[in-house]
């Protein structure tokens, strides 16, 4: 199977300088394609790609990304980590809104990254199972015009069996509702539920208590009562729309590669770093979320190759090791079961001196 190594000119020049040393690892089915990171569309980025893969029914792509050599994860362009902590015992509406704004800013930054644009063009747009299809409702939520809890309540009322719900509330949950909103407001609330009148319900129930009331209405169904889940629908829709915008300029209009592998050299003292990591804090490592905040496709595989700094006398040896590893990777497909999605793997190769 044809394997296209997509790399910037400086890496292709490095390969040509080392060709005499790595010639035994080269295969006829491996072809290099120059990557212009600044390209404004796929043809600008990869001007030779269509000629290379012409008439190919199957091919692989190996992308060499030398953009962030000094990061622990060179593929994490946005380096986004949630800073807003959600309260456990209070309604999280304000915190969710703050976190949403920060996440959407990270998605916007990711959409400008060359690696995100390239991989979107080569992989396509993933299927988004849970999004908000009503454009007006989505824009109202995005702008803050419609509170998230109002959207949750409206969705729930549309799905409720009003007759059964009103009967259940009167027979079994009347007292519990009274403890939540006050006995004097229970009848008015039940009448509003019977009319599916979300506005009337929100006049009776405060934003602080609305999720508790919703749990009683829907018997705890998290589809309508979980604020984080419903907020994630807004984010998911936003990511989908961003990827559609990227796809407009970077769509690959031929057979898409069956496999896309990203490889990044890294000049970073990982062993020293790992000793200082607090293993009890999951946010510190942020294992699998970097691909989400960088808008990467689920099919991508990631490898980093550790190298000494450029001023180290062993740097040229590490360059040879890096190119050797790349050619071995290009000549041998990575079995699907070897690389879990959204994980970065350290690669290494030993050279017998």
Protein backbone atom coordinates (compact mmCIF):
# COMPACT_ATOMS: atom_id res chain seq x y z
CA UNK A 1 0.00 0.00 0.00
CA UNK A 2 1.23 3.48 -0.85
CA UNK A 3 2.37 5.51 2.14
CA UNK A 4 2.67 9.28 1.74
CA UNK A 5 5.01 10.96 4.21
CA UNK A 6 3.77 14.53 4.58
CA UNK A 7 6.50 16.79 5.93
CA UNK A 8 7.90 20.28 5.64
CA UNK A 9 10.79 21.00 3.28
CA UNK A 10 13.38 21.07 6.07
CA UNK A 11 12.54 17.50 7.06
CA UNK A 12 12.58 16.27 3.46
CA UNK A 13 16.00 17.93 3.05
CA UNK A 14 17.15 16.10 6.19
CA UNK A 15 15.99 12.80 4.73
CA UNK A 16 17.88 13.47 1.50
CA UNK A 17 21.08 14.24 3.44
CA UNK A 18 20.74 10.98 5.38
CA UNK A 19 19.53 8.92 2.44
CA UNK A 20 22.77 7.00 2.13
CA UNK A 21 22.42 5.79 5.74
CA UNK A 22 18.72 4.89 5.65
CA UNK A 23 18.56 3.56 2.09
CA UNK A 24 18.04 -0.07 3.27
CA UNK A 25 14.85 1.06 5.06
CA UNK A 26 13.36 2.86 2.06
CA UNK A 27 10.61 1.14 0.07
CA UNK A 28 9.18 1.88 -3.37
CA UNK A 29 5.72 2.43 -1.87
CA UNK A 30 6.96 5.30 0.33
CA UNK A 31 6.66 8.77 -1.21
CA UNK A 32 7.41 12.15 0.36
CA UNK A 33 5.03 15.09 -0.09
CA UNK A 34 6.04 18.61 0.88
CA UNK A 35 3.75 20.35 3.37
CA UNK A 36 3.31 24.11 3.28
CA UNK A 37 1.92 24.86 6.74
CA UNK A 38 0.80 28.34 5.74
CA UNK A 39 -1.44 27.17 2.91
CA UNK A 40 -4.94 28.66 2.88
CA UNK A 41 -6.46 25.55 1.29
CA UNK A 42 -5.48 21.95 0.68
CA UNK A 43 -3.93 22.62 -2.74
CA UNK A 44 -1.73 25.32 -1.21
CA UNK A 45 -0.75 23.04 1.66
CA UNK A 46 -0.08 19.91 -0.41
CA UNK A 47 0.39 20.97 -4.05
CA UNK A 48 1.61 17.50 -5.13
CA UNK A 49 -0.82 15.28 -3.22
CA UNK A 50 -3.31 14.62 -6.03
CA UNK A 51 -0.57 13.59 -8.46
CA UNK A 52 0.92 11.27 -5.84
CA UNK A 53 -2.27 9.39 -4.91
CA UNK A 54 -3.86 9.43 -8.37
CA UNK A 55 -5.51 6.08 -9.17
CA UNK A 56 -4.89 4.80 -5.64
CA UNK A 57 -7.79 2.94 -4.04
CA UNK A 58 -5.99 2.67 -0.68
CA UNK A 59 -3.17 4.67 0.82
CA UNK A 60 -1.79 5.77 4.18
CA UNK A 61 -0.61 9.15 5.40
CA UNK A 62 2.21 9.74 7.88
CA UNK A 63 2.42 13.39 8.95
CA UNK A 64 5.63 14.77 10.45
CA UNK A 65 4.80 17.70 12.73
CA UNK A 66 7.82 19.70 13.95
CA UNK A 67 5.88 22.64 15.32
CA UNK A 68 6.16 22.27 19.12
CA UNK A 69 9.43 20.51 19.92
CA UNK A 70 9.64 21.68 23.52
CA UNK A 71 6.14 20.66 24.67
CA UNK A 72 5.40 17.51 26.62
CA UNK A 73 2.65 16.87 24.05
CA UNK A 74 3.68 18.47 20.74
CA UNK A 75 0.23 17.74 19.28
CA UNK A 76 -1.59 19.80 21.90
CA UNK A 77 -1.58 23.14 20.11
CA UNK A 78 -4.15 24.89 22.30
CA UNK A 79 -2.88 23.43 25.61
CA UNK A 80 -6.34 23.98 26.99
CA UNK A 81 -7.19 22.73 30.48
CA UNK A 82 -10.45 23.62 32.24
CA UNK A 83 -9.90 26.37 34.78
CA UNK A 84 -13.51 26.71 35.94
CA UNK A 85 -14.59 24.27 38.63
CA UNK A 86 -18.27 23.42 38.82
CA UNK A 87 -19.96 23.55 42.23
CA UNK A 88 -21.27 20.25 43.56
CA UNK A 89 -24.20 21.46 45.63
CA UNK A 90 -25.29 24.56 43.75
CA UNK A 91 -26.74 25.19 40.32
CA UNK A 92 -23.73 25.54 37.98
CA UNK A 93 -25.29 27.87 35.41
CA UNK A 94 -22.82 30.73 35.77
CA UNK A 95 -19.79 28.44 35.91
CA UNK A 96 -20.97 26.44 32.90
CA UNK A 97 -21.30 29.65 30.91
CA UNK A 98 -17.78 30.76 31.87
CA UNK A 99 -16.32 27.37 31.00
CA UNK A 100 -18.18 27.30 27.71
CA UNK A 101 -16.70 30.65 26.68
CA UNK A 102 -13.19 29.41 27.45
CA UNK A 103 -13.70 26.14 25.58
CA UNK A 104 -15.16 27.82 22.51
CA UNK A 105 -12.13 30.14 22.43
CA UNK A 106 -9.89 27.04 22.45
CA UNK A 107 -11.86 25.54 19.54
CA UNK A 108 -11.48 28.80 17.60
CA UNK A 109 -7.72 28.72 18.16
CA UNK A 110 -7.53 25.07 17.11
CA UNK A 111 -9.40 25.78 13.87
CA UNK A 112 -6.51 28.04 12.79
CA UNK A 113 -3.83 25.41 13.37
CA UNK A 114 -2.26 23.88 10.23
CA UNK A 115 -2.29 20.34 11.66
CA UNK A 116 -6.01 20.58 12.47
CA UNK A 117 -6.78 21.87 8.99
CA UNK A 118 -4.66 19.21 7.29
CA UNK A 119 -6.03 16.27 9.27
CA UNK A 120 -9.61 17.49 8.83
CA UNK A 121 -9.07 17.55 5.08
CA UNK A 122 -7.57 14.04 5.07
CA UNK A 123 -9.99 12.45 7.56
CA UNK A 124 -13.25 14.22 6.87
CA UNK A 125 -15.81 15.41 9.39
CA UNK A 126 -16.64 12.88 12.10
CA UNK A 127 -20.22 11.95 12.82
CA UNK A 128 -21.70 14.08 15.59
CA UNK A 129 -24.46 12.06 17.18
CA UNK A 130 -25.63 14.65 19.68
CA UNK A 131 -26.06 18.21 18.40
CA UNK A 132 -28.72 20.91 18.42
CA UNK A 133 -30.42 20.83 15.04
CA UNK A 134 -32.66 23.88 15.53
CA UNK A 135 -30.45 26.75 14.35
CA UNK A 136 -32.47 29.45 16.12
CA UNK A 137 -32.39 27.64 19.45
CA UNK A 138 -28.66 26.96 19.07
CA UNK A 139 -27.86 30.62 18.36
CA UNK A 140 -29.99 31.73 21.31
CA UNK A 141 -28.08 29.37 23.61
CA UNK A 142 -24.73 30.37 22.15
CA UNK A 143 -25.40 34.08 22.64
CA UNK A 144 -26.86 33.59 26.13
CA UNK A 145 -30.24 34.93 25.06
CA UNK A 146 -31.85 31.66 26.14
CA UNK A 147 -30.65 30.25 29.49
CA UNK A 148 -29.53 26.64 29.38
CA UNK A 149 -32.04 25.62 32.04
CA UNK A 150 -34.90 27.04 29.97
CA UNK A 151 -33.78 24.95 27.00
CA UNK A 152 -33.57 21.84 29.19
CA UNK A 153 -37.06 22.39 30.55
CA UNK A 154 -38.59 23.02 27.12
CA UNK A 155 -37.08 19.80 25.74
CA UNK A 156 -38.37 17.84 28.71
CA UNK A 157 -41.90 19.20 28.44
CA UNK A 158 -42.03 18.22 24.78
CA UNK A 159 -41.34 14.60 25.65
CA UNK A 160 -43.47 14.24 28.79
CA UNK A 161 -46.77 12.43 28.87
CA UNK A 162 -48.57 15.37 30.46
CA UNK A 163 -51.58 13.44 31.78
CA UNK A 164 -49.51 10.74 33.47
CA UNK A 165 -46.99 13.27 34.80
CA UNK A 166 -49.66 15.50 36.36
CA UNK A 167 -51.32 12.47 37.95
CA UNK A 168 -48.01 11.24 39.35
CA UNK A 169 -47.12 14.65 40.75
CA UNK A 170 -50.44 14.99 42.54
CA UNK A 171 -50.52 11.46 43.96
CA UNK A 172 -46.91 10.74 44.83
CA UNK A 173 -44.74 13.87 44.72
CA UNK A 174 -47.01 16.66 45.91
CA UNK A 175 -45.33 16.99 49.34
CA UNK A 176 -41.82 16.78 47.87
CA UNK A 177 -42.66 19.59 45.46
CA UNK A 178 -43.95 21.61 48.37
CA UNK A 179 -40.64 21.27 50.17
CA UNK A 180 -38.80 22.47 47.08
CA UNK A 181 -40.90 25.46 46.00
CA UNK A 182 -43.32 26.05 48.87
CA UNK A 183 -46.79 24.47 49.36
CA UNK A 184 -48.59 27.53 48.02
CA UNK A 185 -46.97 27.17 44.57
CA UNK A 186 -47.46 23.44 43.96
CA UNK A 187 -50.89 23.60 42.31
CA UNK A 188 -49.81 26.39 39.98
CA UNK A 189 -46.72 24.41 39.03
CA UNK A 190 -48.68 21.24 38.27
CA UNK A 191 -51.16 23.22 36.18
CA UNK A 192 -48.27 24.73 34.21
CA UNK A 193 -46.84 21.25 33.62
CA UNK A 194 -50.22 20.15 32.32
CA UNK A 195 -50.15 23.00 29.80
CA UNK A 196 -46.45 22.44 28.93
CA UNK A 197 -45.94 26.09 29.80
CA UNK A 198 -42.19 26.45 30.41
CA UNK A 199 -42.45 30.20 30.93
CA UNK A 200 -44.99 29.81 33.74
CA UNK A 201 -42.87 27.13 35.41
CA UNK A 202 -39.79 29.37 35.35
CA UNK A 203 -41.80 32.16 37.00
CA UNK A 204 -42.58 29.78 39.88
CA UNK A 205 -39.28 27.91 40.18
CA UNK A 206 -35.91 29.63 40.62
CA UNK A 207 -32.90 28.77 38.46
CA UNK A 208 -31.32 27.31 41.59
CA UNK A 209 -34.11 24.76 42.02
CA UNK A 210 -35.11 24.01 38.43
CA UNK A 211 -32.98 20.86 38.03
CA UNK A 212 -34.45 19.39 41.21
CA UNK A 213 -37.96 19.99 39.88
CA UNK A 214 -36.97 18.51 36.53
CA UNK A 215 -35.79 15.33 38.19
CA UNK A 216 -39.24 14.91 39.67
CA UNK A 217 -40.90 15.64 36.34
CA UNK A 218 -38.78 13.21 34.36
CA UNK A 219 -38.05 10.61 37.01
CA UNK A 220 -34.35 11.50 36.93
CA UNK A 221 -33.69 11.13 33.18
CA UNK A 222 -30.25 12.81 32.74
CA UNK A 223 -31.01 13.66 29.11
CA UNK A 224 -33.07 16.58 30.42
CA UNK A 225 -31.77 17.09 33.95
CA UNK A 226 -27.95 17.00 33.57
CA UNK A 227 -26.67 20.57 32.97
CA UNK A 228 -23.23 19.38 31.80
CA UNK A 229 -24.72 17.03 29.23
CA UNK A 230 -26.97 19.73 27.81
CA UNK A 231 -24.16 22.26 27.73
CA UNK A 232 -22.05 19.69 25.85
CA UNK A 233 -24.68 19.75 23.08
CA UNK A 234 -23.85 23.40 22.46
CA UNK A 235 -20.12 22.65 22.34
CA UNK A 236 -20.61 19.65 20.07
CA UNK A 237 -22.65 21.74 17.63
CA UNK A 238 -20.00 24.47 17.71
CA UNK A 239 -17.21 21.97 16.94
CA UNK A 240 -19.21 20.47 14.08
CA UNK A 241 -19.78 23.89 12.50
CA UNK A 242 -16.10 24.80 12.82
CA UNK A 243 -15.05 21.55 11.14
CA UNK A 244 -17.54 22.18 8.34
CA UNK A 245 -15.92 25.57 7.76
CA UNK A 246 -12.47 23.97 7.61
CA UNK A 247 -13.75 21.23 5.30
CA UNK A 248 -14.94 23.87 2.82
CA UNK A 249 -11.32 24.89 2.07
CA UNK A 250 -9.42 21.72 2.94
CA UNK A 251 -11.62 18.92 1.63
CA UNK A 252 -9.56 16.19 -0.05
CA UNK A 253 -11.50 15.41 -3.22
CA UNK A 254 -10.15 11.94 -3.86
CA UNK A 255 -9.92 8.66 -1.96
CA UNK A 256 -9.29 9.46 1.71
CA UNK A 257 -6.38 7.66 3.40
CA UNK A 258 -7.28 4.51 5.30
CA UNK A 259 -4.87 5.42 8.10
CA UNK A 260 -3.41 8.73 9.29
CA UNK A 261 -0.44 8.67 11.67
CA UNK A 262 1.04 11.81 13.21
CA UNK A 263 4.70 11.79 14.28
CA UNK A 264 6.39 14.59 16.19
CA UNK A 265 10.02 14.91 17.30
CA UNK A 266 10.30 16.18 20.85
CA UNK A 267 13.24 17.89 22.56
CA UNK A 268 11.87 17.61 26.06
CA UNK A 269 13.13 15.98 29.26
CA UNK A 270 10.11 13.76 29.70
CA UNK A 271 11.64 11.55 32.41
CA UNK A 272 12.29 14.56 34.65
CA UNK A 273 8.83 15.91 33.94
CA UNK A 274 7.07 12.68 34.82
CA UNK A 275 8.76 12.60 38.21
CA UNK A 276 7.09 15.87 39.11
CA UNK A 277 3.60 14.95 37.96
CA UNK A 278 0.98 14.64 40.66
CA UNK A 279 -0.63 11.35 39.74
CA UNK A 280 -3.66 12.00 41.92
CA UNK A 281 -4.69 15.03 39.86
CA UNK A 282 -6.29 13.91 36.56
CA UNK A 283 -6.31 17.44 35.14
CA UNK A 284 -2.51 17.59 35.31
CA UNK A 285 -2.05 15.03 32.59
CA UNK A 286 -5.33 15.61 30.76
CA UNK A 287 -4.80 12.29 29.02
CA UNK A 288 -7.44 12.09 26.34
CA UNK A 289 -8.94 15.57 26.04
CA UNK A 290 -6.25 17.22 23.92
CA UNK A 291 -7.68 15.73 20.71
CA UNK A 292 -11.12 17.18 21.48
CA UNK A 293 -9.84 20.69 22.16
CA UNK A 294 -7.65 20.57 19.04
CA UNK A 295 -10.53 19.34 16.83
CA UNK A 296 -8.67 16.17 15.84
CA UNK A 297 -10.42 13.24 14.18
CA UNK A 298 -10.87 10.02 16.14
CA UNK A 299 -8.96 7.96 13.56
CA UNK A 300 -5.63 9.74 14.13
CA UNK A 301 -2.72 7.92 15.77
CA UNK A 302 0.01 9.85 17.59
CA UNK A 303 3.71 9.14 18.18
CA UNK A 304 6.41 11.32 19.71
CA UNK A 305 10.11 10.65 19.22
CA UNK A 306 12.39 12.05 21.93
CA UNK A 307 15.58 13.78 20.80
CA UNK A 308 18.35 15.67 22.55
CA UNK A 309 18.48 19.48 22.07
CA UNK A 310 20.00 20.80 18.86
CA UNK A 311 23.19 21.99 20.58
CA UNK A 312 23.90 18.50 21.95
CA UNK A 313 26.64 16.55 20.16
CA UNK A 314 24.27 13.56 19.87
CA UNK A 315 21.67 15.55 17.98
CA UNK A 316 22.73 14.29 14.54
CA UNK A 317 22.56 10.72 15.79
CA UNK A 318 19.03 11.35 17.03
CA UNK A 319 18.13 12.79 13.63
CA UNK A 320 19.26 9.55 12.04
CA UNK A 321 17.25 7.56 14.56
CA UNK A 322 14.18 9.71 13.93
CA UNK A 323 14.32 9.30 10.14
CA UNK A 324 14.93 5.55 10.53
CA UNK A 325 11.89 5.19 12.76
CA UNK A 326 9.77 7.17 10.33
CA UNK A 327 10.69 4.92 7.41
CA UNK A 328 10.00 1.78 9.44
CA UNK A 329 6.63 3.22 10.46
CA UNK A 330 5.84 4.19 6.87
CA UNK A 331 6.68 0.69 5.60
CA UNK A 332 4.64 -1.15 8.24
CA UNK A 333 0.97 -0.38 8.99
CA UNK A 334 0.17 0.16 12.65
CA UNK A 335 -2.30 -2.53 13.82
CA UNK A 336 -5.54 -0.95 15.01
CA UNK A 337 -5.42 -2.65 18.39
CA UNK A 338 -1.96 -1.29 19.21
CA UNK A 339 -2.92 2.37 19.48
CA UNK A 340 -5.88 3.54 21.52
CA UNK A 341 -7.70 6.65 20.27
CA UNK A 342 -6.72 10.01 21.76
CA UNK A 343 -3.45 8.66 23.24
CA UNK A 344 0.11 9.75 22.50
CA UNK A 345 2.79 7.02 22.37
CA UNK A 346 6.54 7.40 22.84
CA UNK A 347 8.57 5.85 20.04
CA UNK A 348 12.22 4.88 20.12
CA UNK A 349 14.69 2.93 18.03
CA UNK A 350 18.08 1.47 18.88
CA UNK A 351 21.01 1.84 16.48
CA UNK A 352 23.83 -0.66 16.81
CA UNK A 353 26.99 1.38 16.90
